[in-house]
Amino acid sequence: MPRLIHVHPLDPTVLHHPAVVTQFNQRAADVQLRIADRITAFAGSMRFVYLHAVLFVVWMLVFETSPWPTLTLIVSLEAIFLSTFVMIGQNRQASFQQAKADHDYGDINTLLVENTELTRVIHELTGRLAAHVLTPATPPAGGDAPRERPTS
């Protein structure tokens, strides 16, 4: 199926979090999500603000006189749709954050287990080394005990 909306690929020179790659691929595969992304990207731009300012002025001066009932209806309907796209974006962001948090939690737990094991091994090796270095020397054979130094 041809793509209706072009999706820019992720930058291959940057290391991306696995949750980012997964979400990007899911969004790129879904036409409805790509359309919602484009609409919210446009609605969140200054071009959107400028376009609406011009359209509202033209409408108020040319098409309708005060109190602009049709313009009010159009703006209200547009607000309803735009708020829906904002909620879609918020839900998508929450889903992404949850997937990233789950992935990070798994990584952190793996690192915790590895660090705990390394700490245990280091503790064991330190104990062995201390026992080897700090054990008193065995007296030489033949009954010769080490002599004490005379104190002056």
Protein backbone atom coordinates (compact mmCIF):
# COMPACT_ATOMS: atom_id res chain seq x y z
CA MET A 1 0.00 0.00 0.00
CA PRO A 2 1.49 3.38 -0.92
CA ARG A 3 2.19 5.80 1.87
CA LEU A 4 -0.19 8.74 1.95
CA ILE A 5 2.06 10.74 4.22
CA HIS A 6 5.86 10.57 4.06
CA VAL A 7 7.57 9.58 7.31
CA HIS A 8 11.11 10.80 7.89
CA PRO A 9 13.26 7.86 9.06
CA LEU A 10 15.17 7.91 12.34
CA ASP A 11 18.73 9.23 12.12
CA PRO A 12 20.93 6.12 11.67
CA THR A 13 23.98 7.91 13.11
CA VAL A 14 22.30 8.27 16.52
CA LEU A 15 21.79 5.43 18.98
CA HIS A 16 18.04 5.24 19.67
CA HIS A 17 16.31 3.70 22.65
CA PRO A 18 14.59 0.42 21.64
CA ALA A 19 11.22 1.82 22.77
CA VAL A 20 11.72 4.80 20.44
CA VAL A 21 12.45 2.52 17.48
CA THR A 22 9.45 0.30 18.25
CA GLN A 23 7.07 3.22 18.57
CA PHE A 24 8.45 4.88 15.44
CA ASN A 25 7.92 1.70 13.42
CA GLN A 26 4.38 1.26 14.77
CA ARG A 27 3.47 4.86 13.97
CA ALA A 28 5.03 4.68 10.51
CA ALA A 29 2.95 1.60 9.71
CA ASP A 30 -0.39 3.17 10.71
CA VAL A 31 -1.94 5.66 8.25
CA GLN A 32 -4.34 7.10 10.84
CA LEU A 33 -1.51 7.83 13.26
CA ARG A 34 0.56 9.46 10.54
CA ILE A 35 -2.40 11.70 9.64
CA ALA A 36 -2.94 12.59 13.32
CA ASP A 37 0.77 13.40 13.65
CA ARG A 38 0.64 15.71 10.64
CA ILE A 39 -2.46 17.51 11.89
CA THR A 40 -1.05 18.03 15.37
CA ALA A 41 2.29 19.16 13.92
CA PHE A 42 0.51 21.76 11.79
CA ALA A 43 -1.90 22.81 14.56
CA GLY A 44 1.05 23.37 16.89
CA SER A 45 2.85 25.69 14.50
CA MET A 46 2.91 29.44 14.02
CA ARG A 47 1.71 28.95 10.43
CA PHE A 48 -1.52 27.64 11.92
CA VAL A 49 -1.87 30.74 14.11
CA TYR A 50 -1.15 33.15 11.24
CA LEU A 51 -3.49 31.33 8.86
CA HIS A 52 -6.33 31.44 11.37
CA ALA A 53 -5.77 35.10 12.20
CA VAL A 54 -6.02 35.98 8.50
CA LEU A 55 -9.02 33.71 7.90
CA PHE A 56 -10.90 35.11 10.90
CA VAL A 57 -10.30 38.72 9.85
CA VAL A 58 -11.36 38.00 6.26
CA TRP A 59 -14.46 36.11 7.45
CA MET A 60 -15.47 38.92 9.81
CA LEU A 61 -14.95 41.63 7.21
CA VAL A 62 -16.25 39.91 4.07
CA PHE A 63 -18.60 37.00 4.75
CA GLU A 64 -20.50 37.74 7.92
CA THR A 65 -21.35 40.65 10.14
CA SER A 66 -21.40 40.83 13.90
CA PRO A 67 -21.94 38.60 15.99
CA TRP A 68 -20.54 36.03 13.50
CA PRO A 69 -22.69 32.98 14.33
CA THR A 70 -21.31 30.79 11.52
CA LEU A 71 -17.72 31.67 12.39
CA THR A 72 -18.44 30.81 16.02
CA LEU A 73 -19.82 27.42 14.97
CA ILE A 74 -16.80 26.70 12.75
CA VAL A 75 -14.33 27.69 15.44
CA SER A 76 -16.13 25.57 18.04
CA LEU A 77 -16.09 22.51 15.79
CA GLU A 78 -12.43 23.07 15.01
CA ALA A 79 -11.66 23.31 18.74
CA ILE A 80 -13.43 20.00 19.35
CA PHE A 81 -11.39 18.25 16.65
CA LEU A 82 -8.10 19.83 17.69
CA SER A 83 -8.64 18.88 21.33
CA THR A 84 -9.23 15.31 20.17
CA PHE A 85 -5.91 15.34 18.30
CA VAL A 86 -4.19 16.74 21.39
CA MET A 87 -5.61 13.86 23.47
CA ILE A 88 -4.46 11.35 20.83
CA GLY A 89 -0.97 12.83 21.12
CA GLN A 90 -1.06 12.70 24.91
CA ASN A 91 -2.19 9.08 24.89
CA ARG A 92 0.55 8.21 22.43
CA GLN A 93 3.14 9.99 24.58
CA ALA A 94 1.93 8.20 27.72
CA SER A 95 2.10 4.85 25.93
CA PHE A 96 5.62 5.63 24.73
CA GLN A 97 6.76 6.69 28.21
CA GLN A 98 5.34 3.48 29.68
CA ALA A 99 7.12 1.31 27.10
CA LYS A 100 10.38 3.17 27.71
CA ALA A 101 10.00 2.90 31.49
CA ASP A 102 9.31 -0.84 31.22
CA HIS A 103 12.38 -1.34 29.04
CA ASP A 104 14.56 0.76 31.35
CA TYR A 105 13.27 -1.14 34.39
CA GLY A 106 14.29 -4.43 32.78
CA ASP A 107 17.76 -3.07 31.97
CA ILE A 108 18.21 -1.65 35.47
CA ASN A 109 17.19 -4.93 37.10
CA THR A 110 19.65 -6.83 34.92
CA LEU A 111 22.42 -4.39 35.91
CA LEU A 112 21.44 -4.70 39.57
CA VAL A 113 21.76 -8.49 39.44
CA GLU A 114 25.12 -8.23 37.65
CA ASN A 115 26.44 -5.62 40.11
CA THR A 116 25.27 -7.66 43.09
CA GLU A 117 27.07 -10.73 41.75
CA LEU A 118 30.24 -8.71 41.06
CA THR A 119 30.14 -7.25 44.56
CA ARG A 120 29.76 -10.76 46.04
CA VAL A 121 32.72 -12.05 44.00
CA ILE A 122 34.88 -9.04 44.95
CA HIS A 123 34.00 -9.56 48.62
CA GLU A 124 34.91 -13.24 48.40
CA LEU A 125 38.22 -12.52 46.63
CA THR A 126 39.07 -9.78 49.12
CA GLY A 127 38.45 -12.20 51.97
CA ARG A 128 40.67 -14.83 50.38
CA LEU A 129 43.42 -12.29 49.72
CA ALA A 130 43.24 -10.96 53.26
CA ALA A 131 43.36 -14.49 54.68
CA HIS A 132 46.39 -15.31 52.53
CA VAL A 133 48.32 -12.12 53.27
CA LEU A 134 47.46 -11.72 56.93
CA THR A 135 47.94 -15.33 58.14
CA PRO A 136 50.90 -15.68 60.49
CA ALA A 137 53.93 -17.41 59.05
CA THR A 138 54.46 -20.97 60.22
CA PRO A 139 57.52 -21.35 62.44
CA PRO A 140 60.52 -22.95 60.78
CA ALA A 141 61.14 -26.61 61.42
CA GLY A 142 63.60 -27.61 64.15
CA GLY A 143 62.05 -25.72 67.00
CA ASP A 144 63.71 -22.42 66.29
CA ALA A 145 61.20 -19.85 67.26
CA PRO A 146 61.58 -16.37 65.96
CA ARG A 147 63.54 -14.23 68.35
CA GLU A 148 62.20 -11.12 69.87
CA ARG A 149 64.21 -7.95 69.57
CA PRO A 150 65.67 -6.68 72.75
CA THR A 151 64.13 -3.47 73.94
CA SER A 152 66.50 -0.75 74.99
